[in-house]
Protein backbone atom coordinates (compact mmCIF):
# COMPACT_ATOMS: atom_id res chain seq x y z
CA MET A 1 -0.01 0.00 -0.03
CA SER A 2 1.40 3.42 -0.96
CA GLU A 3 2.11 5.89 1.83
CA VAL A 4 -0.56 8.58 2.31
CA TYR A 5 0.68 12.15 2.06
CA ILE A 6 -0.56 14.32 4.95
CA VAL A 7 -0.59 17.96 4.01
CA PRO A 8 1.16 20.15 6.62
CA ARG A 9 -1.10 22.62 8.37
CA CYS A 10 -1.22 25.94 6.41
CA GLU A 11 -1.27 28.79 8.88
CA ARG A 12 -1.93 31.41 6.24
CA PRO A 13 -5.58 32.61 6.13
CA VAL A 14 -7.92 32.52 3.20
CA ASP A 15 -8.48 36.16 2.45
CA ILE A 16 -11.80 37.38 0.99
CA VAL A 17 -10.98 40.03 -1.57
CA TYR A 18 -14.60 40.66 -2.77
CA GLU A 19 -18.01 39.73 -1.36
CA ASP A 20 -21.62 40.21 -2.28
CA GLU A 21 -24.81 38.17 -1.78
CA LEU A 22 -24.09 35.76 -4.60
CA LEU A 23 -20.37 35.12 -4.64
CA LEU A 24 -16.93 35.63 -3.10
CA PHE A 25 -13.55 36.11 -4.64
CA VAL A 26 -10.93 34.69 -2.29
CA HIS A 27 -7.17 34.40 -2.21
CA LYS A 28 -6.02 30.76 -1.54
CA PRO A 29 -2.54 30.59 0.02
CA HIS A 30 0.18 28.29 -1.15
CA LEU A 31 0.03 24.79 0.41
CA LEU A 32 -3.69 24.83 1.21
CA LEU A 33 -6.01 22.37 -0.53
CA SER A 34 -9.00 23.77 -2.43
CA VAL A 35 -11.25 20.90 -1.30
CA PRO A 36 -10.90 18.21 1.37
CA GLY A 37 -8.54 15.34 0.65
CA ARG A 38 -9.64 11.75 0.96
CA HIS A 39 -7.61 11.09 4.14
CA PRO A 40 -9.35 12.36 7.36
CA LEU A 41 -6.22 14.31 8.27
CA ASN A 42 -6.46 16.23 4.96
CA LYS A 43 -9.75 17.92 5.59
CA ASP A 44 -8.44 21.44 6.11
CA CYS A 45 -8.95 23.36 2.91
CA MET A 46 -10.17 26.57 1.34
CA ILE A 47 -13.85 25.58 1.19
CA THR A 48 -14.12 24.20 4.73
CA ARG A 49 -12.56 27.38 6.07
CA ILE A 50 -14.88 29.63 4.08
CA GLN A 51 -17.95 27.55 5.08
CA GLN A 52 -17.29 28.40 8.69
CA THR A 53 -18.52 31.95 7.99
CA HIS A 54 -20.42 31.32 4.71
CA PRO A 55 -22.16 27.94 5.14
CA SER A 56 -23.74 28.04 1.67
CA ALA A 57 -20.43 28.37 -0.10
CA THR A 58 -19.61 25.76 -2.75
CA VAL A 59 -16.66 24.93 -4.99
CA VAL A 60 -16.90 25.60 -8.75
CA HIS A 61 -13.22 25.26 -9.63
CA ARG A 62 -9.91 24.38 -8.03
CA LEU A 63 -6.30 25.43 -7.72
CA ASP A 64 -3.55 22.94 -7.01
CA LEU A 65 -2.24 22.60 -3.49
CA ASP A 66 1.02 24.23 -4.52
CA THR A 67 -0.62 27.17 -6.44
CA SER A 68 -1.68 30.33 -4.74
CA GLY A 69 -4.14 33.01 -5.93
CA LEU A 70 -7.61 33.92 -6.82
CA MET A 71 -10.65 31.62 -6.70
CA VAL A 72 -14.38 32.43 -7.11
CA VAL A 73 -16.78 30.89 -4.64
CA PRO A 74 -20.56 30.80 -5.34
CA LEU A 75 -22.94 31.33 -2.43
CA THR A 76 -26.23 30.17 -3.94
CA LYS A 77 -27.23 27.24 -6.18
CA PRO A 78 -28.26 29.48 -9.09
CA ALA A 79 -24.96 31.30 -8.86
CA HIS A 80 -23.06 27.99 -8.83
CA SER A 81 -24.88 26.82 -11.94
CA HIS A 82 -24.32 30.14 -13.72
CA ILE A 83 -20.58 30.26 -12.96
CA SER A 84 -20.07 26.55 -13.67
CA ARG A 85 -21.59 27.04 -17.12
CA GLN A 86 -19.14 29.88 -17.78
CA PHE A 87 -16.22 27.59 -16.89
CA GLN A 88 -17.59 24.87 -19.15
CA GLU A 89 -18.03 27.28 -21.99
CA ARG A 90 -14.54 28.80 -21.43
CA ALA A 91 -16.09 32.21 -20.87
CA VAL A 92 -14.07 32.84 -17.67
CA SER A 93 -10.97 35.01 -18.04
CA LYS A 94 -7.98 33.56 -16.15
CA ALA A 95 -4.40 34.70 -15.91
CA TYR A 96 -1.45 33.42 -13.94
CA GLU A 97 2.06 34.61 -13.21
CA ALA A 98 4.97 32.13 -13.07
CA ILE A 99 8.71 32.24 -13.01
CA VAL A 100 10.32 29.63 -15.23
CA PHE A 101 13.85 28.30 -15.55
CA GLY A 102 15.86 29.86 -18.36
CA ASP A 103 15.74 32.87 -20.67
CA MET A 104 12.79 32.60 -23.06
CA PRO A 105 14.02 33.78 -26.45
CA VAL A 106 10.64 35.13 -27.63
CA ASP A 107 8.37 37.68 -26.00
CA SER A 108 5.09 35.80 -26.48
CA GLY A 109 3.69 32.65 -27.88
CA GLU A 110 1.30 29.68 -27.58
CA ILE A 111 1.68 26.14 -26.36
CA ASP A 112 -0.83 23.87 -28.07
CA LEU A 113 -0.16 20.34 -26.85
CA PRO A 114 -2.72 17.65 -25.89
CA ILE A 115 -2.71 16.36 -22.30
CA ALA A 116 -3.66 13.00 -20.92
CA THR A 117 -3.41 11.34 -17.48
CA ASP A 118 -0.24 9.29 -17.05
CA TRP A 119 -2.17 6.41 -15.45
CA PRO A 120 0.80 4.30 -14.16
CA ASN A 121 2.29 7.46 -12.58
CA ARG A 122 -0.77 9.31 -11.28
CA PRO A 123 -1.27 12.16 -10.45
CA LEU A 124 1.21 13.01 -13.24
CA GLN A 125 -0.07 14.06 -16.64
CA LYS A 126 1.70 13.73 -19.96
CA ILE A 127 1.70 15.08 -23.48
CA CYS A 128 -0.17 12.52 -25.59
CA TYR A 129 -1.17 12.95 -29.21
CA GLU A 130 -3.07 9.69 -29.36
CA ARG A 131 -5.60 10.15 -26.53
CA GLY A 132 -4.83 13.55 -24.98
CA LYS A 133 -7.37 16.31 -24.69
CA GLN A 134 -6.69 19.57 -26.50
CA ALA A 135 -4.95 22.14 -24.33
CA LEU A 136 -3.88 25.68 -25.17
CA THR A 137 -1.73 28.08 -23.10
CA ARG A 138 -0.86 31.63 -24.24
CA TYR A 139 2.15 33.29 -22.66
CA ARG A 140 3.86 36.64 -22.55
CA VAL A 141 7.21 37.59 -21.05
CA LEU A 142 6.97 40.14 -18.17
CA GLU A 143 10.61 40.12 -17.12
CA ARG A 144 13.88 38.36 -17.66
CA LYS A 145 16.16 38.26 -14.59
CA HIS A 146 19.02 36.16 -13.23
CA GLY A 147 18.71 33.64 -16.03
CA ASN A 148 14.96 33.05 -15.42
CA THR A 149 11.82 34.46 -17.00
CA ARG A 150 8.60 35.85 -15.39
CA LEU A 151 5.56 35.00 -17.55
CA LEU A 152 1.94 36.04 -17.74
CA LEU A 153 -0.01 32.81 -18.63
CA GLU A 154 -3.50 32.69 -20.07
CA PRO A 155 -4.84 29.13 -20.36
CA THR A 156 -7.89 28.83 -22.65
CA THR A 157 -8.46 25.28 -21.38
CA GLY A 158 -8.29 23.97 -17.83
CA ARG A 159 -6.55 20.60 -17.98
CA SER A 160 -5.00 19.22 -14.81
CA HIS A 161 -1.42 20.51 -14.39
CA GLN A 162 -1.73 22.22 -17.72
CA LEU A 163 0.57 25.15 -17.06
CA ARG A 164 3.22 23.05 -15.33
CA ILE A 165 3.41 20.40 -18.01
CA HIS A 166 3.09 22.76 -20.96
CA LEU A 167 6.03 24.88 -19.78
CA ALA A 168 8.15 21.90 -18.84
CA SER A 169 7.46 20.30 -22.23
CA ILE A 170 8.98 23.25 -24.09
CA GLY A 171 12.01 23.33 -21.83
CA TYR A 172 11.09 26.07 -19.37
CA PRO A 173 9.78 24.38 -16.17
CA ILE A 174 8.26 26.43 -13.43
CA LEU A 175 10.67 26.99 -10.53
CA GLY A 176 9.91 24.87 -7.51
CA CYS A 177 7.71 22.38 -9.44
CA ASP A 178 8.14 18.98 -7.79
CA LEU A 179 6.27 17.14 -10.58
CA TYR A 180 7.78 18.23 -13.87
CA ALA A 181 10.87 20.40 -13.17
CA HIS A 182 14.42 19.04 -13.49
CA PRO A 183 16.49 19.07 -10.30
CA GLU A 184 18.06 22.49 -10.86
CA ALA A 185 14.69 24.18 -11.48
CA LEU A 186 13.15 22.41 -8.49
CA ALA A 187 15.97 23.48 -6.21
CA ALA A 188 15.72 27.11 -7.34
CA SER A 189 12.63 27.79 -5.13
CA ASP A 190 11.19 26.34 -1.92
CA ARG A 191 7.67 26.72 -3.39
CA LEU A 192 6.01 26.46 -6.77
CA LEU A 193 6.25 29.89 -8.38
CA LEU A 194 2.78 29.89 -9.84
CA HIS A 195 -0.02 32.32 -8.85
CA ALA A 196 -3.56 32.90 -10.10
CA THR A 197 -3.28 36.62 -10.61
CA ARG A 198 -6.50 37.59 -12.44
CA LEU A 199 -9.96 36.08 -12.54
CA GLY A 200 -12.97 37.59 -14.38
CA LEU A 201 -16.46 36.44 -15.23
CA GLN A 202 -20.04 37.51 -15.87
CA HIS A 203 -21.74 38.24 -12.57
CA PRO A 204 -24.64 35.72 -12.03
CA GLY A 205 -26.89 38.50 -10.66
CA SER A 206 -26.22 41.70 -12.65
CA GLY A 207 -24.89 40.07 -15.79
CA GLY A 208 -22.09 42.57 -15.85
CA TRP A 209 -18.37 41.70 -15.98
CA ILE A 210 -16.63 41.37 -12.67
CA GLU A 211 -12.91 40.91 -12.31
CA GLN A 212 -10.40 40.74 -9.49
CA VAL A 213 -6.57 40.83 -9.43
CA SER A 214 -4.02 39.52 -6.97
CA THR A 215 -0.29 40.28 -6.85
CA PRO A 216 1.97 37.32 -6.35
CA GLU A 217 4.31 37.28 -3.39
CA PHE A 218 7.28 36.18 -5.51
């Protein structure tokens, strides 16, 4: 039987950055689960913390344990359905910042590579042209410094580990990535340098566009 990973207690709070009667925008800290894990000791997470003060809160999307940044949290069933449909229709605007290993030679580009689950090595994903699902990531260089590159990333799809595996697959792994980075890139940071920095969608009540931004701490 494989050893169960117990997530260390995250002492950082979940900050509410916007609130109204239908939804919240929250900032999930690094090393906090979005939803409870299967093991009883992995129950602490973003949604259980939020439900202590907002019992009707539900989850409509997730960020990886290692990723920090913005999440939207519906507070009613109609809001959940409305926002979930926007995610399914790729109508939600998402942007991330990351620092990757190496100097990217171009200022912007696209990574269009299909992703599939690497079943023998779960939870890893892999690039797979035979059975992978289409995945597209747009990127733009924000800064080049100390031999690394800060990127703005805009995924148009939401595959598991998409940003991590896409960047690693073209030779620029995210610093601190314990799944896809080579040893030098992994050792360059004590955390994954990936942050959900912008999130925008159509408000389920007013129908107007609502967007929040969050500055990464790296």
